[in-house]
């Protein structure tokens, strides 16, 4: 990856992030100065923040579907719908 070559012989998808991070590390006083660039590089490699966000969106969609189904069931049974409080 750090060589710049991707799996198909082209430039790797995260190589630009690696260059920025590497340049920062070579000129900074403390490694913590490059924390955001490191975070960007790691995210490019692993997509962990993207997966976490997708998971949160999916869970919220499922929660809304369950709430709508519960509300429809309660209305069909004639019971008043109860609003959930968090």
PDB file of N, CA and C in Angstrom:
ATOM      1  N   UNK A   1       0.823  -1.188   0.000  1.00  0.00           N
ATOM      2  CA  UNK A   1       0.000   0.000   0.000  1.00  0.00           C
ATOM      3  C   UNK A   1       0.867   1.252   0.000  1.00  0.00           C
ATOM      4  N   UNK A   2       1.838   1.325   0.871  1.00  0.00           N
ATOM      5  CA  UNK A   2       2.662   2.520   0.967  1.00  0.00           C
ATOM      6  C   UNK A   2       3.528   2.715  -0.266  1.00  0.00           C
ATOM      7  N   UNK A   3       3.662   1.662  -1.077  1.00  0.00           N
ATOM      8  CA  UNK A   3       4.451   1.794  -2.300  1.00  0.00           C
ATOM      9  C   UNK A   3       3.732   2.660  -3.321  1.00  0.00           C
ATOM     10  N   UNK A   4       2.431   2.796  -3.176  1.00  0.00           N
ATOM     11  CA  UNK A   4       1.649   3.594  -4.106  1.00  0.00           C
ATOM     12  C   UNK A   4       0.945   2.764  -5.147  1.00  0.00           C
ATOM     13  N   UNK A   5       1.290   1.495  -5.256  1.00  0.00           N
ATOM     14  CA  UNK A   5       0.676   0.631  -6.261  1.00  0.00           C
ATOM     15  C   UNK A   5      -0.511  -0.102  -5.665  1.00  0.00           C
ATOM     16  N   UNK A   6      -1.626  -0.040  -6.372  1.00  0.00           N
ATOM     17  CA  UNK A   6      -2.825  -0.735  -5.942  1.00  0.00           C
ATOM     18  C   UNK A   6      -2.821  -2.167  -6.429  1.00  0.00           C
ATOM     19  N   UNK A   7      -3.892  -2.851  -6.173  1.00  0.00           N
ATOM     20  CA  UNK A   7      -3.993  -4.266  -6.507  1.00  0.00           C
ATOM     21  C   UNK A   7      -3.994  -4.500  -8.022  1.00  0.00           C
ATOM     22  N   UNK A   8      -4.469  -3.540  -8.794  1.00  0.00           N
ATOM     23  CA  UNK A   8      -4.536  -3.685 -10.249  1.00  0.00           C
ATOM     24  C   UNK A   8      -3.398  -2.975 -10.960  1.00  0.00           C
ATOM     25  N   UNK A   9      -2.388  -2.547 -10.250  1.00  0.00           N
ATOM     26  CA  UNK A   9      -1.247  -1.883 -10.868  1.00  0.00           C
ATOM     27  C   UNK A   9      -1.370  -0.371 -10.956  1.00  0.00           C
ATOM     28  N   UNK A  10      -2.536   0.154 -10.633  1.00  0.00           N
ATOM     29  CA  UNK A  10      -2.733   1.602 -10.618  1.00  0.00           C
ATOM     30  C   UNK A  10      -2.388   2.141  -9.242  1.00  0.00           C
ATOM     31  N   UNK A  11      -2.523   3.443  -9.108  1.00  0.00           N
ATOM     32  CA  UNK A  11      -2.292   4.053  -7.805  1.00  0.00           C
ATOM     33  C   UNK A  11      -3.330   3.529  -6.817  1.00  0.00           C
ATOM     34  N   UNK A  12      -2.897   3.164  -5.621  1.00  0.00           N
ATOM     35  CA  UNK A  12      -3.806   2.652  -4.596  1.00  0.00           C
ATOM     36  C   UNK A  12      -4.815   3.692  -4.160  1.00  0.00           C
ATOM     37  N   UNK A  13      -5.989   3.252  -3.745  1.00  0.00           N
ATOM     38  CA  UNK A  13      -7.064   4.189  -3.410  1.00  0.00           C
ATOM     39  C   UNK A  13      -6.724   5.070  -2.217  1.00  0.00           C
ATOM     40  N   UNK A  14      -5.865   4.593  -1.333  1.00  0.00           N
ATOM     41  CA  UNK A  14      -5.531   5.354  -0.120  1.00  0.00           C
ATOM     42  C   UNK A  14      -4.147   5.988  -0.190  1.00  0.00           C
ATOM     43  N   UNK A  15      -3.498   5.908  -1.324  1.00  0.00           N
ATOM     44  CA  UNK A  15      -2.125   6.391  -1.419  1.00  0.00           C
ATOM     45  C   UNK A  15      -2.016   7.887  -1.158  1.00  0.00           C
ATOM     46  N   UNK A  16      -2.978   8.663  -1.645  1.00  0.00           N
ATOM     47  CA  UNK A  16      -2.932  10.114  -1.406  1.00  0.00           C
ATOM     48  C   UNK A  16      -3.033  10.431   0.086  1.00  0.00           C
ATOM     49  N   UNK A  17      -3.879   9.686   0.781  1.00  0.00           N
ATOM     50  CA  UNK A  17      -3.983   9.874   2.228  1.00  0.00           C
ATOM     51  C   UNK A  17      -2.666   9.500   2.909  1.00  0.00           C
ATOM     52  N   UNK A  18      -2.050   8.409   2.436  1.00  0.00           N
ATOM     53  CA  UNK A  18      -0.769   7.974   2.993  1.00  0.00           C
ATOM     54  C   UNK A  18       0.298   9.039   2.775  1.00  0.00           C
ATOM     55  N   UNK A  19       0.350   9.623   1.571  1.00  0.00           N
ATOM     56  CA  UNK A  19       1.350  10.668   1.294  1.00  0.00           C
ATOM     57  C   UNK A  19       1.205  11.848   2.241  1.00  0.00           C
ATOM     58  N   UNK A  20      -0.035  12.315   2.425  1.00  0.00           N
ATOM     59  CA  UNK A  20      -0.259  13.452   3.321  1.00  0.00           C
ATOM     60  C   UNK A  20       0.161  13.117   4.745  1.00  0.00           C
ATOM     61  N   UNK A  21      -0.229  11.947   5.205  1.00  0.00           N
ATOM     62  CA  UNK A  21       0.113  11.521   6.559  1.00  0.00           C
ATOM     63  C   UNK A  21       1.624  11.368   6.714  1.00  0.00           C
ATOM     64  N   UNK A  22       2.258  10.745   5.748  1.00  0.00           N
ATOM     65  CA  UNK A  22       3.701  10.523   5.787  1.00  0.00           C
ATOM     66  C   UNK A  22       4.473  11.848   5.786  1.00  0.00           C
ATOM     67  N   UNK A  23       4.050  12.785   4.946  1.00  0.00           N
ATOM     68  CA  UNK A  23       4.699  14.099   4.902  1.00  0.00           C
ATOM     69  C   UNK A  23       4.541  14.823   6.230  1.00  0.00           C
ATOM     70  N   UNK A  24       3.353  14.744   6.803  1.00  0.00           N
ATOM     71  CA  UNK A  24       3.115  15.387   8.099  1.00  0.00           C
ATOM     72  C   UNK A  24       4.022  14.784   9.167  1.00  0.00           C
ATOM     73  N   UNK A  25       4.123  13.452   9.187  1.00  0.00           N
ATOM     74  CA  UNK A  25       4.946  12.782  10.194  1.00  0.00           C
ATOM     75  C   UNK A  25       6.425  13.140  10.042  1.00  0.00           C
ATOM     76  N   UNK A  26       6.878  13.392   8.832  1.00  0.00           N
ATOM     77  CA  UNK A  26       8.287  13.708   8.622  1.00  0.00           C
ATOM     78  C   UNK A  26       8.635  15.133   9.042  1.00  0.00           C
ATOM     79  N   UNK A  27       7.641  16.020   9.126  1.00  0.00           N
ATOM     80  CA  UNK A  27       7.937  17.406   9.467  1.00  0.00           C
ATOM     81  C   UNK A  27       7.338  17.869  10.790  1.00  0.00           C
ATOM     82  N   UNK A  28       6.623  17.015  11.500  1.00  0.00           N
ATOM     83  CA  UNK A  28       5.980  17.461  12.741  1.00  0.00           C
ATOM     84  C   UNK A  28       6.897  17.236  13.948  1.00  0.00           C
ATOM     85  N   UNK A  29       6.548  17.923  15.041  1.00  0.00           N
ATOM     86  CA  UNK A  29       7.313  17.768  16.286  1.00  0.00           C
ATOM     87  C   UNK A  29       6.804  16.603  17.095  1.00  0.00           C
ATOM     88  N   UNK A  30       5.493  16.418  17.093  1.00  0.00           N
ATOM     89  CA  UNK A  30       4.881  15.331  17.861  1.00  0.00           C
ATOM     90  C   UNK A  30       3.948  14.544  16.934  1.00  0.00           C
ATOM     91  N   UNK A  31       3.937  13.243  17.067  1.00  0.00           N
ATOM     92  CA  UNK A  31       3.040  12.438  16.226  1.00  0.00           C
ATOM     93  C   UNK A  31       1.569  12.829  16.368  1.00  0.00           C
ATOM     94  N   UNK A  32       1.181  13.333  17.528  1.00  0.00           N
ATOM     95  CA  UNK A  32      -0.218  13.725  17.726  1.00  0.00           C
ATOM     96  C   UNK A  32      -0.620  14.887  16.827  1.00  0.00           C
ATOM     97  N   UNK A  33       0.364  15.630  16.302  1.00  0.00           N
ATOM     98  CA  UNK A  33       0.062  16.732  15.385  1.00  0.00           C
ATOM     99  C   UNK A  33      -0.579  16.221  14.095  1.00  0.00           C
ATOM    100  N   UNK A  34      -0.351  14.962  13.767  1.00  0.00           N
ATOM    101  CA  UNK A  34      -0.856  14.396  12.519  1.00  0.00           C
ATOM    102  C   UNK A  34      -2.026  13.453  12.758  1.00  0.00           C
ATOM    103  N   UNK A  35      -2.660  13.572  13.893  1.00  0.00           N
ATOM    104  CA  UNK A  35      -3.734  12.657  14.263  1.00  0.00           C
ATOM    105  C   UNK A  35      -4.883  12.617  13.272  1.00  0.00           C
ATOM    106  N   UNK A  36      -5.304  13.774  12.779  1.00  0.00           N
ATOM    107  CA  UNK A  36      -6.433  13.803  11.850  1.00  0.00           C
ATOM    108  C   UNK A  36      -6.072  13.167  10.511  1.00  0.00           C
ATOM    109  N   UNK A  37      -4.844  13.393  10.064  1.00  0.00           N
ATOM    110  CA  UNK A  37      -4.413  12.778   8.807  1.00  0.00           C
ATOM    111  C   UNK A  37      -4.308  11.261   8.958  1.00  0.00           C
ATOM    112  N   UNK A  38      -3.829  10.821  10.114  1.00  0.00           N
ATOM    113  CA  UNK A  38      -3.764   9.376  10.382  1.00  0.00           C
ATOM    114  C   UNK A  38      -5.171   8.779  10.391  1.00  0.00           C
ATOM    115  N   UNK A  39      -6.087   9.480  11.026  1.00  0.00           N
ATOM    116  CA  UNK A  39      -7.470   9.024  11.094  1.00  0.00           C
ATOM    117  C   UNK A  39      -8.077   8.893   9.693  1.00  0.00           C
ATOM    118  N   UNK A  40      -7.796   9.874   8.826  1.00  0.00           N
ATOM    119  CA  UNK A  40      -8.287   9.813   7.445  1.00  0.00           C
ATOM    120  C   UNK A  40      -7.711   8.613   6.704  1.00  0.00           C
ATOM    121  N   UNK A  41      -6.416   8.371   6.898  1.00  0.00           N
ATOM    122  CA  UNK A  41      -5.766   7.240   6.228  1.00  0.00           C
ATOM    123  C   UNK A  41      -6.345   5.913   6.709  1.00  0.00           C
ATOM    124  N   UNK A  42      -6.506   5.762   8.006  1.00  0.00           N
ATOM    125  CA  UNK A  42      -7.058   4.531   8.567  1.00  0.00           C
ATOM    126  C   UNK A  42      -8.504   4.330   8.098  1.00  0.00           C
ATOM    127  N   UNK A  43      -9.278   5.406   8.035  1.00  0.00           N
ATOM    128  CA  UNK A  43     -10.659   5.305   7.552  1.00  0.00           C
ATOM    129  C   UNK A  43     -10.685   4.870   6.088  1.00  0.00           C
ATOM    130  N   UNK A  44      -9.776   5.384   5.296  1.00  0.00           N
ATOM    131  CA  UNK A  44      -9.705   4.974   3.902  1.00  0.00           C
ATOM    132  C   UNK A  44      -9.406   3.479   3.791  1.00  0.00           C
ATOM    133  N   UNK A  45      -8.529   2.988   4.637  1.00  0.00           N
ATOM    134  CA  UNK A  45      -8.167   1.572   4.585  1.00  0.00           C
ATOM    135  C   UNK A  45      -9.304   0.659   5.047  1.00  0.00           C
ATOM    136  N   UNK A  46      -9.956   1.022   6.155  1.00  0.00           N
ATOM    137  CA  UNK A  46     -10.863   0.088   6.818  1.00  0.00           C
ATOM    138  C   UNK A  46     -12.343   0.468   6.770  1.00  0.00           C
ATOM    139  N   UNK A  47     -12.658   1.713   6.479  1.00  0.00           N
ATOM    140  CA  UNK A  47     -14.050   2.192   6.385  1.00  0.00           C
ATOM    141  C   UNK A  47     -14.848   1.971   7.672  1.00  0.00           C
ATOM    142  N   UNK A  48     -14.205   1.972   8.818  1.00  0.00           N
ATOM    143  CA  UNK A  48     -14.912   1.668  10.064  1.00  0.00           C
ATOM    144  C   UNK A  48     -15.974   2.720  10.405  1.00  0.00           C
ATOM    145  N   UNK A  49     -15.694   3.990  10.205  1.00  0.00           N
ATOM    146  CA  UNK A  49     -16.691   5.022  10.497  1.00  0.00           C
ATOM    147  C   UNK A  49     -17.875   4.912   9.536  1.00  0.00           C
ATOM    148  N   UNK A  50     -17.577   4.612   8.285  1.00  0.00           N
ATOM    149  CA  UNK A  50     -18.646   4.446   7.306  1.00  0.00           C
ATOM    150  C   UNK A  50     -19.561   3.285   7.703  1.00  0.00           C
ATOM    151  N   UNK A  51     -18.975   2.165   8.113  1.00  0.00           N
ATOM    152  CA  UNK A  51     -19.770   1.005   8.512  1.00  0.00           C
ATOM    153  C   UNK A  51     -20.589   1.300   9.762  1.00  0.00           C
ATOM    154  N   UNK A  52     -20.006   2.024  10.710  1.00  0.00           N
ATOM    155  CA  UNK A  52     -20.745   2.389  11.919  1.00  0.00           C
ATOM    156  C   UNK A  52     -21.940   3.269  11.575  1.00  0.00           C
ATOM    157  N   UNK A  53     -21.739   4.217  10.663  1.00  0.00           N
ATOM    158  CA  UNK A  53     -22.829   5.105  10.270  1.00  0.00           C
ATOM    159  C   UNK A  53     -23.925   4.328   9.557  1.00  0.00           C
ATOM    160  N   UNK A  54     -23.532   3.437   8.649  1.00  0.00           N
ATOM    161  CA  UNK A  54     -24.533   2.617   7.951  1.00  0.00           C
ATOM    162  C   UNK A  54     -25.315   1.762   8.934  1.00  0.00           C
ATOM    163  N   UNK A  55     -24.640   1.222   9.921  1.00  0.00           N
ATOM    164  CA  UNK A  55     -25.299   0.398  10.924  1.00  0.00           C
ATOM    165  C   UNK A  55     -26.297   1.220  11.740  1.00  0.00           C
ATOM    166  N   UNK A  56     -25.909   2.432  12.133  1.00  0.00           N
ATOM    167  CA  UNK A  56     -26.832   3.295  12.881  1.00  0.00           C
ATOM    168  C   UNK A  56     -28.058   3.629  12.043  1.00  0.00           C
ATOM    169  N   UNK A  57     -27.860   3.928  10.759  1.00  0.00           N
ATOM    170  CA  UNK A  57     -28.979   4.245   9.871  1.00  0.00           C
ATOM    171  C   UNK A  57     -29.900   3.044   9.737  1.00  0.00           C
ATOM    172  N   UNK A  58     -29.321   1.860   9.548  1.00  0.00           N
ATOM    173  CA  UNK A  58     -30.117   0.646   9.415  1.00  0.00           C
ATOM    174  C   UNK A  58     -30.933   0.385  10.683  1.00  0.00           C
ATOM    175  N   UNK A  59     -30.300   0.526  11.850  1.00  0.00           N
ATOM    176  CA  UNK A  59     -31.009   0.295  13.109  1.00  0.00           C
ATOM    177  C   UNK A  59     -32.161   1.285  13.287  1.00  0.00           C
ATOM    178  N   UNK A  60     -31.942   2.537  12.900  1.00  0.00           N
ATOM    179  CA  UNK A  60     -33.001   3.537  13.021  1.00  0.00           C
ATOM    180  C   UNK A  60     -34.147   3.219  12.060  1.00  0.00           C
ATOM    181  N   UNK A  61     -33.824   2.808  10.841  1.00  0.00           N
ATOM    182  CA  UNK A  61     -34.873   2.424   9.890  1.00  0.00           C
ATOM    183  C   UNK A  61     -35.689   1.256  10.439  1.00  0.00           C
ATOM    184  N   UNK A  62     -35.017   0.269  11.015  1.00  0.00           N
ATOM    185  CA  UNK A  62     -35.718  -0.874  11.577  1.00  0.00           C
ATOM    186  C   UNK A  62     -36.581  -0.460  12.766  1.00  0.00           C
ATOM    187  N   UNK A  63     -36.088   0.463  13.576  1.00  0.00           N
ATOM    188  CA  UNK A  63     -36.867   0.950  14.714  1.00  0.00           C
ATOM    189  C   UNK A  63     -38.142   1.635  14.222  1.00  0.00           C
ATOM    190  N   UNK A  64     -38.022   2.445  13.162  1.00  0.00           N
ATOM    191  CA  UNK A  64     -39.181   3.142  12.613  1.00  0.00           C
ATOM    192  C   UNK A  64     -40.182   2.162  12.008  1.00  0.00           C
ATOM    193  N   UNK A  65     -39.696   1.130  11.342  1.00  0.00           N
ATOM    194  CA  UNK A  65     -40.585   0.114  10.771  1.00  0.00           C
ATOM    195  C   UNK A  65     -41.345  -0.603  11.878  1.00  0.00           C
ATOM    196  N   UNK A  66     -40.631  -0.992  12.948  1.00  0.00           N
ATOM    197  CA  UNK A  66     -41.298  -1.669  14.066  1.00  0.00           C
ATOM    198  C   UNK A  66     -42.325  -0.759  14.738  1.00  0.00           C
ATOM    199  N   UNK A  67     -41.986   0.517  14.893  1.00  0.00           N
ATOM    200  CA  UNK A  67     -42.912   1.462  15.524  1.00  0.00           C
ATOM    201  C   UNK A  67     -44.158   1.644  14.661  1.00  0.00           C
ATOM    202  N   UNK A  68     -43.991   1.734  13.351  1.00  0.00           N
ATOM    203  CA  UNK A  68     -45.139   1.889  12.458  1.00  0.00           C
ATOM    204  C   UNK A  68     -46.013   0.636  12.481  1.00  0.00           C
ATOM    205  N   UNK A  69     -45.385  -0.530  12.516  1.00  0.00           N
ATOM    206  CA  UNK A  69     -46.151  -1.778  12.571  1.00  0.00           C
ATOM    207  C   UNK A  69     -46.913  -1.885  13.885  1.00  0.00           C
ATOM    208  N   UNK A  70     -46.251  -1.503  14.973  1.00  0.00           N
ATOM    209  CA  UNK A  70     -46.896  -1.535  16.289  1.00  0.00           C
ATOM    210  C   UNK A  70     -48.085  -0.574  16.322  1.00  0.00           C
ATOM    211  N   UNK A  71     -47.907   0.616  15.751  1.00  0.00           N
ATOM    212  CA  UNK A  71     -48.970   1.610  15.729  1.00  0.00           C
ATOM    213  C   UNK A  71     -50.140   1.113  14.883  1.00  0.00           C
ATOM    214  N   UNK A  72     -49.836   0.521  13.728  1.00  0.00           N
ATOM    215  CA  UNK A  72     -50.898   0.002  12.863  1.00  0.00           C
ATOM    216  C   UNK A  72     -51.657  -1.123  13.559  1.00  0.00           C
ATOM    217  N   UNK A  73     -50.953  -1.971  14.278  1.00  0.00           N
ATOM    218  CA  UNK A  73     -51.585  -3.082  15.003  1.00  0.00           C
ATOM    219  C   UNK A  73     -52.498  -2.558  16.100  1.00  0.00           C
ATOM    220  N   UNK A  74     -52.010  -1.556  16.837  1.00  0.00           N
ATOM    221  CA  UNK A  74     -52.810  -0.977  17.914  1.00  0.00           C
ATOM    222  C   UNK A  74     -54.057  -0.298  17.369  1.00  0.00           C
ATOM    223  N   UNK A  75     -53.932   0.397  16.253  1.00  0.00           N
ATOM    224  CA  UNK A  75     -55.083   1.067  15.650  1.00  0.00           C
ATOM    225  C   UNK A  75     -56.079   0.045  15.123  1.00  0.00           C
ATOM    226  N   UNK A  76     -55.567  -1.066  14.588  1.00  0.00           N
ATOM    227  CA  UNK A  76     -56.451  -2.109  14.085  1.00  0.00           C
ATOM    228  C   UNK A  76     -57.214  -2.785  15.216  1.00  0.00           C
ATOM    229  N   UNK A  77     -56.603  -2.882  16.381  1.00  0.00           N
ATOM    230  CA  UNK A  77     -57.238  -3.491  17.542  1.00  0.00           C
ATOM    231  C   UNK A  77     -58.156  -2.511  18.264  1.00  0.00           C
ATOM    232  N   UNK A  78     -58.089  -1.248  17.897  1.00  0.00           N
ATOM    233  CA  UNK A  78     -58.940  -0.248  18.514  1.00  0.00           C
ATOM    234  C   UNK A  78     -58.339   0.397  19.737  1.00  0.00           C
ATOM    235  N   UNK A  79     -57.141   0.014  20.105  1.00  0.00           N
ATOM    236  CA  UNK A  79     -56.491   0.615  21.262  1.00  0.00           C
ATOM    237  C   UNK A  79     -55.790   1.898  20.822  1.00  0.00           C
ATOM    238  N   UNK A  80     -55.788   2.919  21.660  1.00  0.00           N
ATOM    239  CA  UNK A  80     -55.075   4.151  21.294  1.00  0.00           C
ATOM    240  C   UNK A  80     -53.565   3.920  21.252  1.00  0.00           C
ATOM    241  N   UNK A  81     -52.932   4.544  20.273  1.00  0.00           N
ATOM    242  CA  UNK A  81     -51.461   4.412  20.147  1.00  0.00           C
ATOM    243  C   UNK A  81     -50.803   5.207  21.256  1.00  0.00           C
ATOM    244  N   UNK A  82     -49.800   4.625  21.865  1.00  0.00           N
ATOM    245  CA  UNK A  82     -49.053   5.255  22.947  1.00  0.00           C
ATOM    246  C   UNK A  82     -47.733   5.747  22.381  1.00  0.00           C
ATOM    247  N   UNK A  83     -47.425   7.013  22.589  1.00  0.00           N
ATOM    248  CA  UNK A  83     -46.178   7.576  22.105  1.00  0.00           C
ATOM    249  C   UNK A  83     -45.047   7.102  23.020  1.00  0.00           C
ATOM    250  N   UNK A  84     -43.952   6.695  22.391  1.00  0.00           N
ATOM    251  CA  UNK A  84     -42.781   6.261  23.159  1.00  0.00           C
ATOM    252  C   UNK A  84     -41.966   7.470  23.571  1.00  0.00           C
ATOM    253  N   UNK A  85     -41.513   7.466  24.803  1.00  0.00           N
ATOM    254  CA  UNK A  85     -40.681   8.547  25.315  1.00  0.00           C
ATOM    255  C   UNK A  85     -39.293   7.998  25.618  1.00  0.00           C
ATOM    256  N   UNK A  86     -38.270   8.716  25.187  1.00  0.00           N
ATOM    257  CA  UNK A  86     -36.892   8.289  25.439  1.00  0.00           C
ATOM    258  C   UNK A  86     -36.209   9.285  26.295  1.00  0.00           C
TER     259      UNK A  86
END
